[in-house]
N, C-alpha and C. Protein backbone atom coordinates (compact mmCIF):
# COMPACT_ATOMS: atom_id res chain seq x y z
N MET A 1 128.85 -51.89 115.65
CA MET A 1 127.44 -52.89 115.14
C MET A 1 127.37 -53.96 116.27
N ALA A 2 126.75 -54.53 116.60
CA ALA A 2 126.74 -55.31 117.75
C ALA A 2 125.67 -56.26 116.74
N THR A 3 125.54 -57.80 116.99
CA THR A 3 125.64 -58.15 116.09
C THR A 3 123.26 -59.72 117.72
N ALA A 4 123.01 -58.50 117.77
CA ALA A 4 121.58 -59.95 118.34
C ALA A 4 121.00 -61.02 118.05
N SER A 5 120.98 -61.93 119.20
CA SER A 5 120.71 -63.72 118.50
C SER A 5 118.96 -63.81 119.47
N ILE A 6 118.02 -63.83 119.80
CA ILE A 6 117.40 -64.83 120.21
C ILE A 6 117.43 -65.94 119.32
N VAL A 7 118.07 -67.46 120.83
CA VAL A 7 117.48 -68.46 120.00
C VAL A 7 115.95 -69.17 121.72
N TYR A 8 115.02 -69.54 120.10
CA TYR A 8 113.61 -70.24 121.12
C TYR A 8 114.04 -72.14 121.08
N GLU A 9 113.92 -72.62 122.41
CA GLU A 9 114.11 -73.42 121.90
C GLU A 9 113.31 -74.42 122.42
N ALA A 10 111.97 -75.25 121.02
CA ALA A 10 111.20 -75.38 121.44
C ALA A 10 110.37 -76.79 122.65
N PRO A 11 109.49 -77.37 123.08
CA PRO A 11 109.52 -77.61 124.49
C PRO A 11 110.26 -79.48 123.26
N THR A 12 110.38 -80.17 124.24
CA THR A 12 111.79 -81.60 124.26
C THR A 12 110.58 -82.48 124.79
N ARG A 13 110.72 -84.33 124.01
CA ARG A 13 110.63 -84.94 124.85
C ARG A 13 111.78 -86.16 124.60
N LEU A 14 112.42 -86.52 125.82
CA LEU A 14 112.93 -87.80 125.61
C LEU A 14 112.84 -89.06 126.11
N VAL A 15 112.90 -89.85 124.86
CA VAL A 15 112.86 -90.86 125.06
C VAL A 15 114.45 -91.93 124.48
N GLY A 16 113.84 -93.22 125.68
CA GLY A 16 115.37 -94.19 125.20
C GLY A 16 114.85 -95.81 125.25
N THR A 17 115.72 -96.31 124.89
CA THR A 17 115.75 -97.77 125.30
C THR A 17 117.16 -98.61 124.63
N SER A 18 117.21 -99.39 125.40
CA SER A 18 118.28 -100.20 126.15
C SER A 18 118.28 -102.03 125.01
N LEU A 19 118.85 -102.18 124.82
CA LEU A 19 119.00 -102.74 123.08
C LEU A 19 120.52 -103.97 123.89
N THR A 20 119.76 -105.23 123.03
CA THR A 20 120.90 -106.45 123.29
C THR A 20 121.19 -106.82 122.01
N LEU A 21 122.36 -107.38 120.82
CA LEU A 21 122.06 -107.12 119.67
C LEU A 21 123.15 -108.16 119.73
N ARG A 22 122.15 -109.64 119.19
CA ARG A 22 122.80 -110.58 118.92
C ARG A 22 123.89 -110.37 117.49
N PRO A 23 124.64 -111.28 116.87
CA PRO A 23 125.94 -111.86 116.10
C PRO A 23 125.40 -111.26 114.75
N GLY A 24 125.33 -109.92 113.57
CA GLY A 24 124.27 -110.29 113.06
C GLY A 24 123.99 -109.25 112.75
N GLN A 25 122.82 -108.83 114.50
CA GLN A 25 121.79 -108.28 114.61
C GLN A 25 122.11 -106.25 114.25
N TRP A 26 121.10 -106.38 114.01
CA TRP A 26 120.98 -104.27 114.14
C TRP A 26 119.67 -103.78 114.23
N ALA A 27 119.45 -102.74 114.40
CA ALA A 27 117.89 -101.70 114.78
C ALA A 27 118.40 -100.11 114.48
N ALA A 28 117.39 -100.16 114.09
CA ALA A 28 117.26 -98.83 112.68
C ALA A 28 116.22 -97.56 114.57
N PHE A 29 116.93 -96.41 114.26
CA PHE A 29 115.97 -95.52 115.08
C PHE A 29 115.89 -94.49 113.98
N ARG A 30 114.43 -95.08 113.43
CA ARG A 30 113.75 -94.08 112.27
C ARG A 30 114.11 -92.36 112.82
N GLY A 31 114.08 -91.13 111.74
CA GLY A 31 114.16 -89.71 111.48
C GLY A 31 112.67 -89.77 111.41
N ASN A 32 112.43 -88.29 111.65
CA ASN A 32 110.84 -88.37 111.13
C ASN A 32 110.24 -87.33 110.85
N ALA A 33 109.50 -86.49 109.95
CA ALA A 33 110.07 -85.01 109.29
C ALA A 33 108.19 -85.02 109.27
N ILE A 34 107.60 -85.71 110.54
CA ILE A 34 106.26 -85.06 110.68
C ILE A 34 106.49 -83.52 111.69
N ILE A 35 105.82 -83.20 111.69
CA ILE A 35 105.60 -81.38 111.97
C ILE A 35 105.62 -81.86 113.61
N GLY A 36 105.84 -81.36 114.59
CA GLY A 36 106.18 -82.07 115.85
C GLY A 36 106.88 -82.69 116.36
N HIS A 37 106.89 -83.99 115.72
CA HIS A 37 107.77 -85.32 116.20
C HIS A 37 109.49 -84.40 115.49
N HIS A 38 110.25 -84.06 116.09
CA HIS A 38 111.76 -83.34 114.93
C HIS A 38 112.55 -84.16 116.39
N ARG A 39 113.35 -85.55 115.76
CA ARG A 39 114.41 -86.18 116.29
C ARG A 39 115.79 -84.51 116.93
N LYS A 40 116.34 -84.28 117.62
CA LYS A 40 117.00 -83.01 117.63
C LYS A 40 118.43 -83.61 117.74
N THR A 41 118.67 -85.16 118.84
CA THR A 41 119.51 -85.99 119.27
C THR A 41 119.47 -86.47 119.20
N ILE A 42 120.91 -87.81 119.17
CA ILE A 42 120.32 -89.45 119.36
C ILE A 42 121.42 -89.34 119.92
N SER A 43 121.81 -90.54 120.92
CA SER A 43 122.72 -90.47 121.61
C SER A 43 122.83 -92.70 122.36
N VAL A 44 124.35 -92.80 121.50
CA VAL A 44 124.63 -94.31 121.24
C VAL A 44 125.43 -94.35 122.53
N PHE A 45 124.88 -95.52 123.62
CA PHE A 45 125.53 -95.61 124.65
C PHE A 45 126.30 -96.75 125.00
N ASN A 46 127.10 -96.99 124.33
CA ASN A 46 128.08 -99.04 124.08
C ASN A 46 128.46 -99.52 125.65
N GLU A 47 127.64 -99.34 126.08
CA GLU A 47 128.06 -100.58 127.86
C GLU A 47 128.95 -101.37 127.88
N ASP A 48 128.89 -102.10 125.93
CA ASP A 48 129.84 -104.04 126.17
C ASP A 48 130.99 -104.31 126.58
N THR A 49 131.68 -104.43 128.08
CA THR A 49 133.07 -104.72 128.32
C THR A 49 133.76 -105.43 126.90
N ASN A 50 133.02 -105.79 126.52
CA ASN A 50 134.30 -106.05 125.07
C ASN A 50 133.84 -106.03 123.28
N THR A 51 132.68 -105.79 123.07
CA THR A 51 132.58 -105.39 121.59
C THR A 51 132.15 -103.92 121.01
N ARG A 52 132.88 -103.91 120.06
CA ARG A 52 131.82 -102.97 118.82
C ARG A 52 130.95 -102.73 118.67
N VAL A 53 130.31 -102.17 117.90
CA VAL A 53 129.10 -101.99 117.53
C VAL A 53 129.37 -100.50 116.83
N TYR A 54 128.65 -100.02 115.70
CA TYR A 54 129.09 -99.44 114.40
C TYR A 54 127.20 -99.14 113.32
N ILE A 55 127.53 -97.92 113.77
CA ILE A 55 126.13 -97.86 112.78
C ILE A 55 126.60 -97.40 111.34
N VAL A 56 126.16 -98.14 110.86
CA VAL A 56 126.02 -98.58 108.74
C VAL A 56 125.08 -97.39 108.35
N ALA A 57 125.54 -98.18 107.09
CA ALA A 57 124.74 -97.94 106.49
C ALA A 57 123.03 -99.49 106.45
N GLY A 58 122.48 -98.17 106.00
CA GLY A 58 120.72 -99.12 105.77
C GLY A 58 120.16 -98.08 104.36
N PRO A 59 119.48 -98.78 104.69
CA PRO A 59 117.39 -98.80 103.81
C PRO A 59 117.47 -96.72 103.40
N ASP A 60 118.40 -96.36 104.05
CA ASP A 60 118.24 -94.35 103.73
C ASP A 60 119.35 -94.03 102.43
N GLN A 61 120.25 -95.23 102.35
CA GLN A 61 121.21 -95.02 101.60
C GLN A 61 121.45 -96.25 99.95
N GLY A 62 120.85 -97.25 100.65
CA GLY A 62 120.03 -97.99 99.31
C GLY A 62 120.91 -98.72 99.93
N VAL A 63 121.21 -99.29 101.05
CA VAL A 63 121.73 -100.60 101.86
C VAL A 63 121.36 -101.98 102.36
N ASN A 64 120.76 -102.88 102.02
CA ASN A 64 120.36 -104.19 103.04
C ASN A 64 121.29 -104.20 103.98
N PRO A 65 120.82 -103.49 105.64
CA PRO A 65 122.51 -103.78 106.43
C PRO A 65 122.54 -105.96 106.98
N ASP A 66 121.33 -106.86 106.57
CA ASP A 66 121.82 -107.66 106.47
C ASP A 66 122.28 -108.42 104.76
N LEU A 67 122.63 -108.13 104.58
CA LEU A 67 123.65 -108.83 103.09
C LEU A 67 124.78 -107.52 103.33
N GLU A 68 124.77 -106.78 104.01
CA GLU A 68 126.08 -105.96 103.40
C GLU A 68 126.71 -105.19 104.48
N THR A 69 127.76 -104.16 105.01
CA THR A 69 127.41 -104.02 105.80
C THR A 69 128.24 -102.31 105.67
N ILE A 70 128.66 -101.70 105.54
CA ILE A 70 129.50 -100.67 105.27
C ILE A 70 128.95 -100.11 106.53
N LYS A 71 130.38 -99.27 107.30
CA LYS A 71 130.76 -98.77 108.76
C LYS A 71 130.93 -96.62 107.78
N LEU A 72 130.12 -96.37 109.16
CA LEU A 72 129.66 -94.92 109.33
C LEU A 72 130.60 -94.21 109.78
N ARG A 73 130.69 -95.06 110.97
CA ARG A 73 131.26 -94.66 112.72
C ARG A 73 130.75 -96.14 113.59
N THR A 74 132.08 -95.95 114.02
CA THR A 74 132.86 -96.57 115.76
C THR A 74 131.55 -96.35 117.06
N ILE A 75 131.31 -97.12 117.52
CA ILE A 75 131.33 -96.82 118.87
C ILE A 75 132.13 -98.30 119.34
N LYS A 76 132.80 -96.70 120.55
CA LYS A 76 134.09 -98.33 121.04
C LYS A 76 133.25 -99.23 121.79
N ILE A 77 133.76 -100.25 122.55
CA ILE A 77 134.07 -100.35 123.65
C ILE A 77 134.21 -99.22 124.65
N ASP A 78 132.49 -99.68 125.79
CA ASP A 78 132.10 -98.67 126.65
C ASP A 78 132.75 -97.21 126.58
N SER A 79 132.23 -96.33 125.22
CA SER A 79 132.27 -95.33 125.06
C SER A 79 130.47 -95.11 124.09
N GLU A 80 130.39 -93.78 124.52
CA GLU A 80 129.28 -93.06 123.94
C GLU A 80 129.32 -92.18 122.50
N ILE A 81 128.55 -91.55 121.78
CA ILE A 81 129.19 -90.67 120.48
C ILE A 81 127.67 -90.20 121.27
N GLU A 82 126.95 -88.27 119.99
CA GLU A 82 126.22 -87.96 120.39
C GLU A 82 126.51 -86.97 118.82
N LEU A 83 125.19 -87.93 118.29
CA LEU A 83 124.80 -86.70 116.92
C LEU A 83 123.52 -86.26 116.82
N HIS A 84 123.55 -85.15 116.04
CA HIS A 84 122.86 -84.15 115.71
C HIS A 84 122.23 -84.14 114.47
N THR A 85 120.75 -85.24 113.92
CA THR A 85 120.67 -85.26 113.21
C THR A 85 118.80 -86.55 112.84
N ASN A 86 118.38 -85.82 112.51
CA ASN A 86 116.89 -86.33 112.44
C ASN A 86 116.87 -87.59 111.38
N ALA A 87 117.94 -87.82 110.66
CA ALA A 87 118.27 -89.19 109.78
C ALA A 87 118.11 -90.42 110.35
N THR A 88 117.25 -91.25 109.78
CA THR A 88 117.18 -92.59 110.25
C THR A 88 118.82 -93.80 110.87
N ILE A 89 118.93 -93.79 111.75
CA ILE A 89 120.27 -94.73 112.33
C ILE A 89 120.23 -96.09 112.81
N VAL A 90 121.31 -96.91 111.68
CA VAL A 90 121.30 -98.01 112.21
C VAL A 90 122.31 -98.05 112.88
N ILE A 91 122.58 -99.42 113.52
CA ILE A 91 122.92 -99.43 115.02
C ILE A 91 122.98 -100.78 114.62
N LYS A 92 124.30 -101.87 114.15
CA LYS A 92 125.26 -103.22 114.20
C LYS A 92 125.77 -103.75 114.47
N ASN A 93 125.94 -105.25 115.55
CA ASN A 93 126.54 -105.75 115.78
C ASN A 93 127.08 -106.48 114.89
N ILE A 94 128.47 -106.86 114.56
CA ILE A 94 128.91 -107.33 113.48
C ILE A 94 129.61 -108.61 113.56
N SER A 95 129.94 -108.65 114.63
CA SER A 95 130.30 -109.87 115.94
C SER A 95 129.95 -111.11 114.78
N ALA A 96 130.13 -112.42 114.41
CA ALA A 96 130.41 -113.59 113.84
C ALA A 96 129.39 -114.23 115.74
N THR A 97 130.30 -114.11 116.92
CA THR A 97 130.52 -114.98 118.24
C THR A 97 129.72 -113.97 119.16
N GLU A 98 129.18 -112.53 119.38
CA GLU A 98 129.85 -112.10 120.10
C GLU A 98 128.55 -111.29 120.90
N THR A 99 127.42 -111.49 121.75
CA THR A 99 126.42 -109.74 121.69
C THR A 99 127.10 -109.15 122.50
N VAL A 100 125.83 -108.73 122.27
CA VAL A 100 126.75 -106.80 122.71
C VAL A 100 125.53 -107.07 123.15
N THR A 101 126.07 -105.78 125.08
CA THR A 101 124.72 -105.53 125.99
C THR A 101 125.01 -105.15 126.17
N PRO A 102 124.16 -104.59 127.51
CA PRO A 102 123.51 -103.22 126.98
C PRO A 102 123.73 -102.04 126.30
N VAL A 103 123.05 -102.00 125.30
CA VAL A 103 123.69 -100.70 123.93
C VAL A 103 122.43 -99.48 124.41
N GLN A 104 122.68 -98.44 125.26
CA GLN A 104 121.83 -97.43 124.81
C GLN A 104 121.50 -96.35 124.95
N VAL A 105 120.33 -96.14 123.34
CA VAL A 105 120.71 -95.01 123.16
C VAL A 105 119.20 -93.59 123.36
N LEU A 106 119.28 -92.74 123.42
CA LEU A 106 118.06 -92.04 123.91
C LEU A 106 118.57 -90.45 123.20
N GLU A 107 116.77 -90.36 122.89
CA GLU A 107 116.40 -89.37 121.37
C GLU A 107 115.94 -88.72 122.36
N LEU A 108 116.59 -86.95 121.99
CA LEU A 108 115.52 -85.77 122.74
C LEU A 108 115.08 -85.28 121.27
N PHE A 109 113.32 -85.00 121.22
CA PHE A 109 112.96 -84.58 120.53
C PHE A 109 111.96 -82.84 120.75
N TYR A 110 111.85 -82.30 119.62
CA TYR A 110 111.41 -81.07 119.63
C TYR A 110 109.86 -82.06 119.47
N ASP A 111 108.73 -81.62 121.09
CA ASP A 111 107.54 -81.94 120.25
C ASP A 111 107.31 -80.81 120.84
N GLU A 112 106.46 -80.54 120.25
CA GLU A 112 105.04 -78.83 120.14
C GLU A 112 104.17 -79.39 120.50
N ARG A 113 103.27 -80.84 121.04
CA ARG A 113 102.14 -81.06 121.00
C ARG A 113 102.44 -80.71 122.76
N PRO A 114 101.21 -80.48 123.72
CA PRO A 114 101.27 -80.58 125.08
C PRO A 114 101.84 -81.25 126.37
N THR A 115 101.78 -81.33 127.21
CA THR A 115 102.91 -82.98 127.60
C THR A 115 101.95 -82.62 129.05
N GLN A 116 101.23 -83.93 129.20
CA GLN A 116 100.47 -84.18 129.85
C GLN A 116 100.65 -84.64 131.16
N TYR A 117 100.66 -84.18 132.20
CA TYR A 117 101.51 -85.30 133.26
C TYR A 117 99.54 -85.46 134.71
């Protein structure tokens, strides 16, 4: 007996952000539980040629990134990662002296609202 499956992809929407992170600065990208606005993936590109950035624990894990840095994932110099999650993602520059620029973030959302052109 053969197994069959049907895959339906909902309409999607892209949201891009370009960051400059000063020493110790962090940025949060909120997941969203609202129907019609559910993030499918988030891609983070660290285009800086000198300094790494990190995905760190944030408020969802009971941590204040200003006071404590718990590294969850490293984003190496001139590299990218892609995560399949709707969770809040906190990106932080833990360097004491280096500014990281640019860090490009691309989010792909399921979007049930009709697109107007």
